[in-house]
């Protein structure tokens, strides 16, 4: 089975400080990925072309990160049958609520899975879970990641108790 790639599309380079938090997870899980900048409003033709050809280019999931009006995930979802995960970016006076509502309020027939505001880590994990449905090796890597997270919490708890 060919390993599917993940595309992360940002509406602006100002989204990268959030998006970069997905990279360590994707690297740990050995998932090939690309990060691109495309705007739903300023480069709609590029967004459409990318989304339309993404499956043929070997992508299995697209993550879209955008703030403010945050139409990027929805525009991508309108042009592909691939799963799309939206990351609403906190970038305005509304604390990210505007981006969250724009990302999550999709019309019937054009779904976008949405993670928390600035939730790049969970977007990476959810994308890996989607790929793992058809990839048993990915499922094993995710189980290992979960075990590590559990061990980290237990270690932090012991460290905390020892400081008190």
Protein backbone atom coordinates (compact mmCIF):
# COMPACT_ATOMS: atom_id res chain seq x y z
CA UNK A 1 0.00 0.00 0.00
CA UNK A 2 1.28 3.44 -0.90
CA UNK A 3 1.62 5.79 2.04
CA UNK A 4 -0.84 8.65 1.62
CA UNK A 5 0.44 12.17 2.17
CA UNK A 6 -1.13 14.95 4.19
CA UNK A 7 -1.44 18.46 2.82
CA UNK A 8 -1.49 21.39 5.20
CA UNK A 9 -2.75 24.53 3.54
CA UNK A 10 -2.41 27.87 5.34
CA UNK A 11 -4.27 30.99 4.35
CA UNK A 12 -1.23 33.10 5.21
CA UNK A 13 2.34 32.70 6.39
CA UNK A 14 1.18 34.31 9.65
CA UNK A 15 -0.59 30.99 10.37
CA UNK A 16 2.70 29.06 10.45
CA UNK A 17 3.45 29.63 14.18
CA UNK A 18 0.34 27.52 14.86
CA UNK A 19 0.67 25.09 11.96
CA UNK A 20 4.26 24.18 12.80
CA UNK A 21 2.97 22.40 15.91
CA UNK A 22 1.61 19.65 13.64
CA UNK A 23 5.03 18.90 12.17
CA UNK A 24 6.62 16.97 15.08
CA UNK A 25 3.63 14.63 15.21
CA UNK A 26 3.65 14.00 11.47
CA UNK A 27 7.40 13.41 11.58
CA UNK A 28 7.11 11.04 14.55
CA UNK A 29 4.40 9.07 12.74
CA UNK A 30 6.51 9.15 9.55
CA UNK A 31 3.73 10.65 7.46
CA UNK A 32 4.88 12.54 4.39
CA UNK A 33 3.38 16.01 4.23
CA UNK A 34 3.58 19.34 2.49
CA UNK A 35 2.77 22.80 3.79
CA UNK A 36 1.53 25.39 1.31
CA UNK A 37 0.15 28.92 1.45
CA UNK A 38 -3.06 29.53 -0.49
CA UNK A 39 -5.83 31.99 0.16
CA UNK A 40 -9.50 31.22 -0.34
CA UNK A 41 -10.02 34.90 -1.14
CA UNK A 42 -6.81 36.02 -2.84
CA UNK A 43 -5.91 32.85 -4.78
CA UNK A 44 -9.19 30.93 -5.18
CA UNK A 45 -8.09 29.40 -8.49
CA UNK A 46 -4.98 27.90 -6.85
CA UNK A 47 -7.05 26.52 -3.98
CA UNK A 48 -9.52 24.96 -6.40
CA UNK A 49 -6.80 23.46 -8.59
CA UNK A 50 -4.93 22.02 -5.61
CA UNK A 51 -8.03 20.53 -4.00
CA UNK A 52 -9.30 19.08 -7.27
CA UNK A 53 -6.03 17.27 -7.98
CA UNK A 54 -5.03 16.36 -4.40
CA UNK A 55 -6.29 12.77 -4.45
CA UNK A 56 -4.52 12.09 -7.76
CA UNK A 57 -1.34 13.58 -6.25
CA UNK A 58 -1.36 10.99 -3.45
CA UNK A 59 -2.88 12.99 -0.62
CA UNK A 60 -5.24 11.25 1.79
CA UNK A 61 -6.25 14.17 4.01
CA UNK A 62 -6.09 17.93 3.73
CA UNK A 63 -5.68 20.17 6.78
CA UNK A 64 -6.65 23.80 6.24
CA UNK A 65 -5.61 26.53 8.67
CA UNK A 66 -7.09 30.00 8.48
CA UNK A 67 -8.15 32.85 10.69
CA UNK A 68 -10.73 35.62 10.54
CA UNK A 69 -13.30 34.72 7.84
CA UNK A 70 -11.62 31.27 7.62
CA UNK A 71 -13.24 30.09 4.41
CA UNK A 72 -10.22 28.07 3.33
CA UNK A 73 -11.32 24.68 4.68
CA UNK A 74 -14.79 25.06 3.21
CA UNK A 75 -13.54 26.08 -0.21
CA UNK A 76 -11.17 23.11 -0.24
CA UNK A 77 -13.95 20.75 0.86
CA UNK A 78 -16.15 22.04 -1.96
CA UNK A 79 -13.53 20.90 -4.49
CA UNK A 80 -12.51 17.45 -3.19
CA UNK A 81 -13.92 14.25 -1.75
CA UNK A 82 -10.91 13.89 0.53
CA UNK A 83 -11.44 14.47 4.25
CA UNK A 84 -10.74 18.09 5.19
CA UNK A 85 -9.79 19.15 8.70
CA UNK A 86 -10.05 22.81 9.58
CA UNK A 87 -7.82 24.57 12.09
CA UNK A 88 -9.39 27.88 13.08
CA UNK A 89 -6.59 30.35 13.81
CA UNK A 90 -6.83 32.94 16.56
CA UNK A 91 -5.96 36.05 14.63
CA UNK A 92 -8.47 38.77 15.31
CA UNK A 93 -10.25 40.81 17.92
CA UNK A 94 -12.73 37.96 18.37
CA UNK A 95 -10.19 35.57 19.89
CA UNK A 96 -10.61 32.99 17.15
CA UNK A 97 -14.37 32.64 17.60
CA UNK A 98 -14.94 34.14 14.15
CA UNK A 99 -12.61 31.57 12.56
CA UNK A 100 -14.12 28.73 14.58
CA UNK A 101 -17.65 29.56 13.51
CA UNK A 102 -16.62 30.05 9.87
CA UNK A 103 -14.87 26.68 9.86
CA UNK A 104 -17.45 24.61 11.69
CA UNK A 105 -20.66 26.03 10.13
CA UNK A 106 -20.58 24.21 6.82
CA UNK A 107 -23.66 23.55 4.71
CA UNK A 108 -25.14 20.10 4.28
CA UNK A 109 -23.09 17.99 1.90
CA UNK A 110 -19.77 19.84 2.34
CA UNK A 111 -18.39 18.66 5.70
CA UNK A 112 -15.24 19.95 7.37
CA UNK A 113 -13.95 18.28 10.52
CA UNK A 114 -12.93 21.07 12.85
CA UNK A 115 -10.45 21.02 15.73
CA UNK A 116 -10.00 23.60 18.47
CA UNK A 117 -8.80 27.11 17.78
CA UNK A 118 -5.05 26.82 17.14
CA UNK A 119 -5.40 23.01 17.44
CA UNK A 120 -2.71 21.93 14.97
CA UNK A 121 -1.56 18.99 17.08
CA UNK A 122 -5.05 17.47 17.14
CA UNK A 123 -5.44 18.12 13.41
CA UNK A 124 -2.29 16.08 12.78
CA UNK A 125 -3.49 13.25 15.01
CA UNK A 126 -6.96 13.24 13.45
CA UNK A 127 -5.44 13.17 9.97
CA UNK A 128 -3.29 10.20 11.01
CA UNK A 129 -6.35 8.44 12.44
CA UNK A 130 -8.15 8.89 9.12
CA UNK A 131 -5.18 7.38 7.27
CA UNK A 132 -4.99 4.56 9.83
CA UNK A 133 -8.42 3.27 8.82
CA UNK A 134 -6.75 1.77 5.73
CA UNK A 135 -3.20 1.49 7.08
CA UNK A 136 -2.56 -1.02 9.91
CA UNK A 137 1.03 0.20 10.36
CA UNK A 138 -0.24 3.73 10.95
CA UNK A 139 -2.71 2.36 13.49
CA UNK A 140 0.19 0.75 15.38
CA UNK A 141 2.15 4.03 15.36
CA UNK A 142 -0.87 5.85 16.75
CA UNK A 143 -1.24 3.30 19.55
CA UNK A 144 2.42 3.81 20.41
CA UNK A 145 1.88 7.58 20.46
CA UNK A 146 -1.10 7.16 22.82
CA UNK A 147 0.93 4.95 25.15
CA UNK A 148 3.69 7.56 25.21
CA UNK A 149 1.22 10.32 26.05
CA UNK A 150 -0.14 8.18 28.90
CA UNK A 151 3.37 7.52 30.23
CA UNK A 152 4.17 11.24 30.03
CA UNK A 153 1.13 12.14 32.15
CA UNK A 154 1.98 9.49 34.75
CA UNK A 155 5.58 10.74 34.94
CA UNK A 156 4.43 14.35 35.33
CA UNK A 157 2.05 13.32 38.09
CA UNK A 158 4.84 11.58 40.02
CA UNK A 159 7.14 14.56 39.52
CA UNK A 160 4.42 16.89 40.78
CA UNK A 161 3.80 14.75 43.87
CA UNK A 162 7.51 14.66 44.66
CA UNK A 163 7.71 18.47 44.60
CA UNK A 164 4.95 18.90 47.17
